[in-house]
């Protein structure tokens, strides 16, 4: 019998609401709202309320007319959202003064739905600053302890309060039944323990493996190059002494009598200059290499004294002075 009444009511709504689009006010969104309205009517006639209701809702948002609101309420009723439909029919009654036909239909649907509405009563969780969300929509904490109409089906309440952990309570409501929902007390948020400060390594403990390795390699290269240069300088020195000895024997008292002896004398001077250049350069390079190798060693400052390497260069030769605290 209830199904027959619902079908009859649906037929009455369909015949009455077909002209709802004509009552729309002009405006920038009126054309879009009209298209949504007509599409929603078609989908509802095809038995697709889940697709039709969102289109009715958007049409109402763009162009809020009494006919669209009544159609949306009817769509939600067909969808099984009886409490939502009941509230929307009540809104038609509240705002439809002067439209006795639509208000009359809304009153009939309110009277038909009220006896079978599902209800819920939320209790508990009297936390200071409590905030509630029912199915994602904000709900004032004043609702606690009050029975209110609700659509049949699954629901979720989110609880939050300052300094408390957020909780979600899920519950199910059967059609025409009353359900009590007891909310738990919220637990305090535990402050996260501060992270201990990260210890900074001492300067002497900071890793310098790559730098030290590079210094060590560069030091040995410099030592090798210095040794080679020193050896070349010594060789030129030996040649200088040999040629000088020959020149002294051939020209003991004055200028050399032959061109060969003059050439030996000139070569001796050249070799002497080269020896004076290569020997100091070799010593400096070897000294620099020694410094790099020693400073690349990984030893604490307390165990390593200050090292000073000083090259000594002179006209007649050169040397290397190493000193420091050990």
Protein backbone atom coordinates (compact mmCIF):
# COMPACT_ATOMS: atom_id res chain seq x y z
CA UNK A 1 0.00 0.00 0.00
CA UNK A 2 2.88 2.35 0.87
CA UNK A 3 4.49 1.64 -2.52
CA UNK A 4 1.22 2.50 -4.31
CA UNK A 5 1.04 5.80 -2.44
CA UNK A 6 4.64 6.63 -3.37
CA UNK A 7 3.98 5.87 -7.05
CA UNK A 8 0.84 7.98 -7.01
CA UNK A 9 2.70 10.82 -5.33
CA UNK A 10 5.48 10.53 -7.92
CA UNK A 11 2.96 10.77 -10.78
CA UNK A 12 1.39 13.82 -9.18
CA UNK A 13 4.78 15.45 -8.75
CA UNK A 14 5.74 14.67 -12.34
CA UNK A 15 2.58 16.25 -13.77
CA UNK A 16 2.89 19.28 -11.52
CA UNK A 17 6.63 19.90 -11.89
CA UNK A 18 6.94 19.67 -15.65
CA UNK A 19 6.31 23.40 -15.82
CA UNK A 20 8.90 24.25 -13.14
CA UNK A 21 11.46 25.41 -15.71
CA UNK A 22 9.10 28.16 -16.91
CA UNK A 23 9.15 29.80 -13.48
CA UNK A 24 12.91 30.37 -13.48
CA UNK A 25 14.16 33.91 -13.20
CA UNK A 26 16.37 35.41 -15.86
CA UNK A 27 20.07 35.72 -15.08
CA UNK A 28 23.56 34.77 -16.19
CA UNK A 29 23.18 31.22 -14.82
CA UNK A 30 19.58 30.65 -15.80
CA UNK A 31 20.39 28.92 -19.10
CA UNK A 32 22.84 26.52 -17.45
CA UNK A 33 20.39 25.85 -14.63
CA UNK A 34 17.64 25.11 -17.17
CA UNK A 35 19.87 22.61 -19.00
CA UNK A 36 20.75 20.85 -15.75
CA UNK A 37 17.11 20.77 -14.69
CA UNK A 38 15.94 19.18 -17.95
CA UNK A 39 18.77 16.64 -17.90
CA UNK A 40 17.97 15.75 -14.28
CA UNK A 41 14.27 15.25 -15.16
CA UNK A 42 15.22 12.88 -17.97
CA UNK A 43 17.54 10.84 -15.75
CA UNK A 44 14.94 10.61 -12.99
CA UNK A 45 12.31 9.41 -15.48
CA UNK A 46 14.82 6.75 -16.59
CA UNK A 47 15.10 5.51 -13.00
CA UNK A 48 18.58 6.99 -12.34
CA UNK A 49 18.15 9.12 -9.21
CA UNK A 50 21.82 8.84 -8.24
CA UNK A 51 22.70 10.73 -11.42
CA UNK A 52 19.70 13.04 -11.39
CA UNK A 53 19.91 14.41 -7.83
CA UNK A 54 23.34 16.10 -8.19
CA UNK A 55 22.11 17.86 -11.34
CA UNK A 56 18.99 19.11 -9.55
CA UNK A 57 21.18 20.34 -6.69
CA UNK A 58 23.51 22.26 -9.04
CA UNK A 59 20.56 23.73 -10.93
CA UNK A 60 19.13 24.92 -7.62
CA UNK A 61 22.45 26.49 -6.64
CA UNK A 62 22.64 28.41 -9.93
CA UNK A 63 19.00 29.46 -9.99
CA UNK A 64 17.16 28.83 -6.68
CA UNK A 65 13.53 28.38 -7.62
CA UNK A 66 10.74 26.71 -5.72
CA UNK A 67 10.06 24.20 -8.52
CA UNK A 68 13.66 23.02 -8.63
CA UNK A 69 13.73 22.66 -4.84
CA UNK A 70 10.59 20.55 -4.94
CA UNK A 71 12.04 18.35 -7.70
CA UNK A 72 15.24 17.89 -5.71
CA UNK A 73 13.25 16.79 -2.66
CA UNK A 74 11.33 14.32 -4.79
CA UNK A 75 14.58 12.97 -6.27
CA UNK A 76 16.05 12.40 -2.82
CA UNK A 77 12.88 10.64 -1.73
CA UNK A 78 13.12 8.28 -4.69
CA UNK A 79 16.79 7.79 -3.85
CA UNK A 80 15.86 6.61 -0.36
CA UNK A 81 17.25 9.65 1.48
CA UNK A 82 14.04 10.15 3.39
CA UNK A 83 15.34 12.57 6.02
CA UNK A 84 17.00 14.76 3.39
CA UNK A 85 13.83 14.79 1.30
CA UNK A 86 11.71 15.56 4.38
CA UNK A 87 13.90 18.56 5.22
CA UNK A 88 13.75 19.85 1.64
CA UNK A 89 9.96 19.52 1.51
CA UNK A 90 9.83 21.51 4.75
CA UNK A 91 11.96 24.20 3.10
CA UNK A 92 9.49 24.38 0.19
CA UNK A 93 6.69 24.95 2.70
CA UNK A 94 8.72 27.63 4.47
CA UNK A 95 9.67 29.57 1.34
CA UNK A 96 6.70 28.87 -0.94
CA UNK A 97 4.16 31.39 0.32
CA UNK A 98 1.81 32.20 -2.54
CA UNK A 99 2.43 28.98 -4.47
CA UNK A 100 -0.35 26.93 -2.94
CA UNK A 101 -0.01 24.07 -5.41
CA UNK A 102 3.65 23.30 -4.73
CA UNK A 103 3.30 23.99 -1.00
CA UNK A 104 0.34 21.61 -0.90
CA UNK A 105 2.40 18.85 -2.55
CA UNK A 106 5.25 19.43 -0.09
CA UNK A 107 2.87 19.21 2.90
CA UNK A 108 1.48 15.91 1.62
CA UNK A 109 4.99 14.45 1.25
CA UNK A 110 6.04 15.67 4.73
CA UNK A 111 2.99 14.01 6.26
CA UNK A 112 3.72 10.78 4.38
CA UNK A 113 7.40 10.65 5.33
CA UNK A 114 7.29 11.67 9.00
CA UNK A 115 5.93 8.43 10.48
CA UNK A 116 8.70 6.35 8.89
CA UNK A 117 11.71 8.62 9.40
CA UNK A 118 14.85 7.10 10.91
CA UNK A 119 16.33 9.00 13.88
CA UNK A 120 19.71 9.17 15.59
CA UNK A 121 20.74 10.48 19.02
CA UNK A 122 24.36 11.33 19.66
CA UNK A 123 25.63 11.34 23.24
CA UNK A 124 28.93 11.47 25.14
CA UNK A 125 32.26 13.19 24.33
CA UNK A 126 31.60 16.43 26.21
CA UNK A 127 35.10 17.76 25.55
CA UNK A 128 35.75 21.49 25.75
CA UNK A 129 35.78 23.00 22.27
CA UNK A 130 34.34 19.83 20.75
CA UNK A 131 33.79 19.95 16.99
CA UNK A 132 31.70 17.42 15.10
CA UNK A 133 31.37 16.50 11.45
CA UNK A 134 28.57 14.22 10.32
CA UNK A 135 29.39 12.68 6.94
CA UNK A 136 31.86 15.51 6.30
CA UNK A 137 29.45 18.33 7.21
CA UNK A 138 30.01 20.45 10.30
CA UNK A 139 27.60 19.79 13.15
CA UNK A 140 27.34 21.93 16.28
CA UNK A 141 28.02 20.20 19.59
CA UNK A 142 24.57 21.39 20.74
CA UNK A 143 23.15 18.40 18.87
CA UNK A 144 24.42 16.09 21.65
CA UNK A 145 21.50 14.38 23.36
CA UNK A 146 18.92 15.49 20.77
CA UNK A 147 17.16 13.03 18.46
CA UNK A 148 17.12 14.15 14.83
CA UNK A 149 15.96 12.65 11.50
CA UNK A 150 18.69 10.96 9.47
CA UNK A 151 18.86 9.08 6.18
CA UNK A 152 18.98 5.28 6.47
CA UNK A 153 22.37 3.73 5.76
CA UNK A 154 25.98 4.07 6.87
CA UNK A 155 27.28 7.25 8.52
CA UNK A 156 30.45 8.54 10.15
CA UNK A 157 31.03 11.18 12.83
CA UNK A 158 34.42 12.88 13.17
CA UNK A 159 35.28 14.27 16.62
CA UNK A 160 38.00 16.80 17.34
CA UNK A 161 38.92 19.17 20.15
CA UNK A 162 41.94 21.36 21.00
CA UNK A 163 44.79 19.25 22.37
CA UNK A 164 42.92 15.99 21.71
CA UNK A 165 43.34 13.23 19.18
CA UNK A 166 40.79 13.23 16.36
CA UNK A 167 38.49 10.19 16.29
CA UNK A 168 35.97 8.85 13.79
CA UNK A 169 32.92 6.82 14.82
CA UNK A 170 31.01 4.87 12.17
CA UNK A 171 27.42 3.71 12.66
CA UNK A 172 24.49 2.30 10.67
CA UNK A 173 20.86 3.40 10.72
CA UNK A 174 17.97 1.22 9.61
CA UNK A 175 14.87 2.71 7.98
CA UNK A 176 12.13 3.71 10.45
CA UNK A 177 14.44 2.92 13.39
CA UNK A 178 15.99 5.06 16.13
CA UNK A 179 19.72 4.66 16.78
CA UNK A 180 21.78 5.84 19.75
CA UNK A 181 25.40 6.74 19.00
CA UNK A 182 27.75 6.91 22.02
CA UNK A 183 30.87 8.98 21.29
CA UNK A 184 34.06 8.08 23.17
CA UNK A 185 36.06 10.58 25.21
CA UNK A 186 38.96 11.96 23.23
CA UNK A 187 42.49 11.18 24.35
CA UNK A 188 45.03 13.93 24.86
CA UNK A 189 47.61 14.44 22.14
CA UNK A 190 51.01 13.27 23.36
CA UNK A 191 53.67 15.85 22.69
CA UNK A 192 56.44 14.48 20.57
CA UNK A 193 59.74 14.20 22.41
CA UNK A 194 62.23 16.74 21.07
CA UNK A 195 65.00 15.26 19.01
CA UNK A 196 68.38 15.32 20.72
CA UNK A 197 70.74 17.84 19.19
CA UNK A 198 73.03 16.33 16.65
CA UNK A 199 76.60 16.31 17.91
CA UNK A 200 78.95 18.22 15.68
CA UNK A 201 82.29 16.49 15.11
CA UNK A 202 85.34 18.37 16.27
CA UNK A 203 87.32 20.04 13.51
CA UNK A 204 90.13 17.54 13.85
CA UNK A 205 87.61 14.67 13.74
CA UNK A 206 85.84 15.78 10.57
CA UNK A 207 86.44 13.41 7.67
CA UNK A 208 88.91 14.63 5.12
CA UNK A 209 89.64 11.36 3.37
CA UNK A 210 89.26 12.71 -0.15
CA UNK A 211 91.21 15.89 0.56
CA UNK A 212 93.94 13.98 2.42
CA UNK A 213 94.23 11.43 -0.35
CA UNK A 214 94.61 14.21 -2.93
CA UNK A 215 97.22 16.00 -0.84
CA UNK A 216 99.14 12.77 -0.32
CA UNK A 217 99.19 11.95 -4.04
CA UNK A 218 100.14 15.52 -4.94
CA UNK A 219 102.90 15.45 -2.33
CA UNK A 220 104.47 12.30 -3.71
CA UNK A 221 104.25 13.66 -7.24
CA UNK A 222 106.00 16.84 -6.11
CA UNK A 223 108.65 14.81 -4.29
CA UNK A 224 109.25 12.69 -7.39
CA UNK A 225 109.42 15.72 -9.65
CA UNK A 226 111.72 17.51 -7.22
CA UNK A 227 114.03 14.52 -7.03
CA UNK A 228 114.19 14.36 -10.83
CA UNK A 229 114.95 18.08 -11.09
CA UNK A 230 117.59 17.77 -8.37
CA UNK A 231 119.19 14.86 -10.23
CA UNK A 232 119.28 16.87 -13.47
CA UNK A 233 120.87 19.77 -11.60
CA UNK A 234 123.52 17.48 -10.11
CA UNK A 235 124.24 16.03 -13.57
CA UNK A 236 124.75 19.51 -15.00
CA UNK A 237 127.01 20.29 -12.03
CA UNK A 238 129.15 17.22 -12.75
CA UNK A 239 129.40 18.23 -16.43
CA UNK A 240 130.35 21.74 -15.36
CA UNK A 241 133.17 20.46 -13.15
CA UNK A 242 134.42 18.12 -15.89
CA UNK A 243 134.48 20.81 -18.56
CA UNK A 244 136.01 23.34 -16.19
CA UNK A 245 138.79 20.88 -15.43
CA UNK A 246 139.49 20.41 -19.17
CA UNK A 247 139.50 24.16 -19.79
CA UNK A 248 141.85 24.78 -16.86
CA UNK A 249 144.28 22.19 -18.20
CA UNK A 250 144.18 23.57 -21.75
CA UNK A 251 144.25 27.26 -20.82
CA UNK A 252 146.19 27.55 -17.53
CA UNK A 253 147.48 31.09 -18.01
CA UNK A 254 145.09 32.97 -20.27
CA UNK A 255 142.61 32.81 -23.13
CA UNK A 256 142.16 29.44 -24.74
CA UNK A 257 144.11 29.07 -27.98
CA UNK A 258 141.61 26.87 -29.84
CA UNK A 259 137.92 27.13 -30.69
CA UNK A 260 137.25 23.75 -29.13
CA UNK A 261 138.57 24.93 -25.80
CA UNK A 262 136.52 28.13 -26.10
CA UNK A 263 133.39 26.02 -26.75
CA UNK A 264 134.12 23.89 -23.67
CA UNK A 265 134.48 27.03 -21.57
CA UNK A 266 131.14 28.39 -22.86
CA UNK A 267 129.39 25.05 -22.26
CA UNK A 268 130.79 24.93 -18.74
CA UNK A 269 129.23 28.32 -17.99
CA UNK A 270 125.84 27.19 -19.46
CA UNK A 271 125.84 23.94 -17.50
CA UNK A 272 126.70 25.85 -14.32
CA UNK A 273 123.68 28.13 -14.80
CA UNK A 274 121.40 25.12 -15.45
CA UNK A 275 122.73 23.36 -12.40
CA UNK A 276 122.08 26.46 -10.28
CA UNK A 277 118.42 26.47 -11.56
CA UNK A 278 117.51 22.76 -11.40
CA UNK A 279 119.01 22.00 -7.99
CA UNK A 280 117.01 24.73 -6.09
CA UNK A 281 113.83 23.95 -8.06
CA UNK A 282 114.19 20.29 -7.22
CA UNK A 283 114.73 21.08 -3.55
CA UNK A 284 111.69 23.40 -3.43
CA UNK A 285 109.47 20.81 -5.14
CA UNK A 286 110.68 18.05 -2.85
CA UNK A 287 110.13 20.27 0.18
CA UNK A 288 106.59 21.15 -0.91
CA UNK A 289 105.85 17.47 -1.56
CA UNK A 290 107.16 16.54 1.87
CA UNK A 291 104.91 19.17 3.46
CA UNK A 292 101.84 17.91 1.62
CA UNK A 293 102.50 14.28 2.57
CA UNK A 294 103.06 15.10 6.23
CA UNK A 295 99.99 17.36 6.55
CA UNK A 296 97.80 14.72 4.87
CA UNK A 297 98.37 12.30 7.76
CA UNK A 298 95.27 11.76 9.95
CA UNK A 299 96.60 12.53 13.38
CA UNK A 300 95.09 14.64 16.16
CA UNK A 301 96.51 18.08 16.61
CA UNK A 302 97.77 17.10 20.06
CA UNK A 303 100.04 14.50 18.44
CA UNK A 304 101.24 16.56 15.47
CA UNK A 305 103.54 19.52 15.99
CA UNK A 306 103.67 22.58 13.84
CA UNK A 307 105.83 21.78 10.81
CA UNK A 308 107.73 24.40 8.82
CA UNK A 309 109.47 23.62 5.55
CA UNK A 310 111.68 26.44 4.21
CA UNK A 311 113.52 26.13 0.89
CA UNK A 312 116.97 27.77 0.74
CA UNK A 313 118.11 29.03 -2.64
CA UNK A 314 121.44 30.69 -3.38
CA UNK A 315 123.57 31.59 -6.35
CA UNK A 316 125.82 28.64 -5.86
CA UNK A 317 123.27 26.09 -4.72
CA UNK A 318 120.26 25.50 -2.47
CA UNK A 319 118.87 23.53 0.40
CA UNK A 320 115.76 22.66 2.50
CA UNK A 321 115.21 23.63 6.14
CA UNK A 322 112.60 21.61 8.13
CA UNK A 323 111.62 22.63 11.66
CA UNK A 324 108.75 22.59 14.12
CA UNK A 325 107.41 21.27 17.40
CA UNK A 326 107.13 17.47 17.80
